[in-house]
Amino acid sequence: MIKLMGKMFDISGYIENVYCLDNFSAFCVKVDGIKYKTVEHAFQTIKFLDSAPEIADKIKNSNSPFEARELAYNYKSLRRKDWGQVKYDIMEMLLRQKVNQNAYVREKLINTSPYTIVEDCGEDDDKDWGADSTEQVIIT
């Protein structure tokens, strides 16, 4: 979602001008020498890198960001124990990497100024961030 002048506008579907900002959009991101198909693949994989490497590999190589998210949800009991404490820092790092590594995404993000972008995680396991919670801006 994008917050424009106090109103929320849903961008969860395909909208050409901003879809590239979605974690599910097909823009690769490279982190610690590992290339991920999408930010969603990276985010879900990182949950398991140390705690369940075989699950991490399965998620990393999944066919879609939807499948990556579903696999992570199915194995959430095996994710790293500190996930609740580190997930915001990890998401911020991934989003910054995506913007730094993809000129097209960077340009689109710059063009959203002065608006505030708020993710709507209505279908996600991480319901404590986004427009349906406190509307708190976590990553700036």
Protein backbone atom coordinates (compact mmCIF):
# COMPACT_ATOMS: atom_id res chain seq x y z
CA MET A 1 0.00 0.00 0.00
CA ILE A 2 1.06 3.59 -0.46
CA LYS A 3 -0.12 6.25 1.92
CA LEU A 4 -0.94 9.42 0.01
CA MET A 5 -2.13 12.49 1.91
CA GLY A 6 -3.55 10.40 4.76
CA LYS A 7 -5.31 7.83 2.57
CA MET A 8 -4.14 4.29 1.87
CA PHE A 9 -3.98 3.15 -1.73
CA ASP A 10 -3.64 -0.57 -2.34
CA ILE A 11 -0.71 -1.54 -4.58
CA SER A 12 -0.80 -5.24 -3.73
CA GLY A 13 -1.92 -6.10 -7.25
CA TYR A 14 0.08 -5.38 -10.38
CA ILE A 15 0.45 -1.65 -10.87
CA GLU A 16 3.11 -0.87 -13.41
CA ASN A 17 4.54 2.20 -11.75
CA VAL A 18 5.26 0.65 -8.36
CA TYR A 19 5.05 -3.14 -8.65
CA CYS A 20 8.84 -3.36 -8.78
CA LEU A 21 8.87 -2.27 -5.11
CA ASP A 22 6.93 -5.39 -4.09
CA ASN A 23 8.99 -8.16 -2.45
CA PHE A 24 7.45 -10.62 -4.91
CA SER A 25 8.52 -8.69 -8.03
CA ALA A 26 11.08 -10.40 -10.25
CA PHE A 27 14.17 -8.40 -9.35
CA CYS A 28 17.11 -10.44 -8.14
CA VAL A 29 19.01 -9.50 -5.04
CA LYS A 30 22.49 -10.68 -4.09
CA VAL A 31 23.36 -10.99 -0.40
CA ASP A 32 26.63 -12.37 1.00
CA GLY A 33 27.51 -13.74 -2.43
CA ILE A 34 24.17 -15.59 -2.79
CA LYS A 35 21.81 -14.58 -5.59
CA TYR A 36 18.08 -14.79 -4.82
CA LYS A 37 15.26 -14.63 -7.40
CA THR A 38 13.29 -12.09 -5.35
CA VAL A 39 13.49 -10.27 -2.03
CA GLU A 40 10.79 -12.67 -0.80
CA HIS A 41 13.01 -15.66 -1.62
CA ALA A 42 15.87 -14.05 0.31
CA PHE A 43 13.73 -13.04 3.30
CA GLN A 44 12.17 -16.48 3.67
CA THR A 45 15.49 -18.31 3.09
CA ILE A 46 17.39 -16.28 5.67
CA LYS A 47 14.97 -17.49 8.35
CA PHE A 48 16.55 -20.95 8.01
CA LEU A 49 20.16 -20.46 6.85
CA ASP A 50 21.72 -21.54 10.15
CA SER A 51 18.88 -23.40 11.85
CA ALA A 52 17.77 -25.63 8.95
CA PRO A 53 20.07 -25.31 5.91
CA GLU A 54 18.23 -27.99 3.93
CA ILE A 55 14.98 -26.04 4.28
CA ALA A 56 16.79 -22.81 3.38
CA ASP A 57 18.05 -24.42 0.18
CA LYS A 58 14.58 -25.68 -0.68
CA ILE A 59 13.11 -22.20 -0.19
CA LYS A 60 15.91 -20.47 -2.13
CA ASN A 61 15.33 -22.77 -5.10
CA SER A 62 11.53 -22.65 -5.00
CA ASN A 63 9.70 -21.76 -8.20
CA SER A 64 8.00 -18.58 -7.01
CA PRO A 65 7.93 -16.12 -4.14
CA PHE A 66 4.52 -17.55 -3.20
CA GLU A 67 6.03 -21.02 -2.89
CA ALA A 68 8.96 -19.61 -0.88
CA ARG A 69 6.57 -17.98 1.58
CA GLU A 70 4.44 -21.15 1.85
CA LEU A 71 7.47 -23.35 2.51
CA ALA A 72 8.74 -20.98 5.19
CA TYR A 73 5.34 -20.99 6.84
CA ASN A 74 5.16 -24.79 6.80
CA TYR A 75 8.55 -25.05 8.53
CA LYS A 76 8.26 -22.03 10.84
CA SER A 77 9.02 -24.17 13.91
CA LEU A 78 12.55 -24.64 12.48
CA ARG A 79 13.36 -21.01 11.77
CA ARG A 80 16.08 -19.21 13.66
CA LYS A 81 15.16 -18.55 17.28
CA ASP A 82 15.92 -14.82 17.14
CA TRP A 83 13.71 -14.18 14.10
CA GLY A 84 11.35 -11.86 15.97
CA GLN A 85 14.28 -9.65 16.98
CA VAL A 86 16.08 -9.52 13.62
CA LYS A 87 13.39 -9.61 10.93
CA TYR A 88 13.04 -5.83 10.54
CA ASP A 89 16.79 -5.33 10.20
CA ILE A 90 16.96 -8.14 7.66
CA MET A 91 14.07 -6.75 5.62
CA GLU A 92 15.63 -3.29 5.63
CA MET A 93 18.97 -4.72 4.48
CA LEU A 94 17.25 -6.71 1.69
CA LEU A 95 15.25 -3.72 0.47
CA ARG A 96 18.35 -1.53 0.45
CA GLN A 97 20.26 -4.21 -1.49
CA LYS A 98 17.44 -4.48 -4.02
CA VAL A 99 17.39 -0.71 -4.57
CA ASN A 100 21.19 -0.48 -4.75
CA GLN A 101 21.50 -3.40 -7.18
CA ASN A 102 18.63 -2.51 -9.53
CA ALA A 103 18.67 0.91 -11.21
CA TYR A 104 15.08 0.56 -12.42
CA VAL A 105 13.83 -0.11 -8.88
CA ARG A 106 15.92 2.76 -7.53
CA GLU A 107 14.40 5.17 -10.06
CA LYS A 108 10.85 4.04 -9.25
CA LEU A 109 11.50 4.44 -5.51
CA ILE A 110 12.89 7.95 -5.98
CA ASN A 111 9.78 8.85 -7.98
CA THR A 112 7.48 7.89 -5.07
CA SER A 113 8.74 10.88 -3.06
CA PRO A 114 7.21 12.46 -0.97
CA TYR A 115 4.82 9.56 -0.27
CA THR A 116 5.18 7.01 2.52
CA ILE A 117 5.16 3.39 1.42
CA VAL A 118 3.45 0.97 3.80
CA GLU A 119 3.44 -2.76 3.20
CA ASP A 120 0.19 -4.59 3.73
CA CYS A 121 1.01 -8.05 5.11
CA GLY A 122 -2.59 -9.20 5.35
CA GLU A 123 -1.78 -12.74 4.19
CA ASP A 124 1.64 -12.97 5.83
CA ASP A 125 2.85 -14.63 9.00
CA ASP A 126 4.39 -11.28 10.00
CA LYS A 127 1.15 -9.47 10.85
CA ASP A 128 2.82 -7.06 13.25
CA TRP A 129 3.94 -4.68 10.51
CA GLY A 130 2.12 -2.96 7.71
CA ALA A 131 -1.05 -0.99 7.21
CA ASP A 132 -3.30 -3.38 9.12
CA SER A 133 -1.36 -2.96 12.35
CA THR A 134 -0.23 0.37 13.77
CA GLU A 135 0.70 2.09 10.48
CA GLN A 136 4.08 2.65 12.11
CA VAL A 137 6.86 3.32 9.62
CA ILE A 138 9.50 0.75 10.47
CA ILE A 139 11.94 1.20 7.59
CA THR A 140 12.72 4.70 6.40
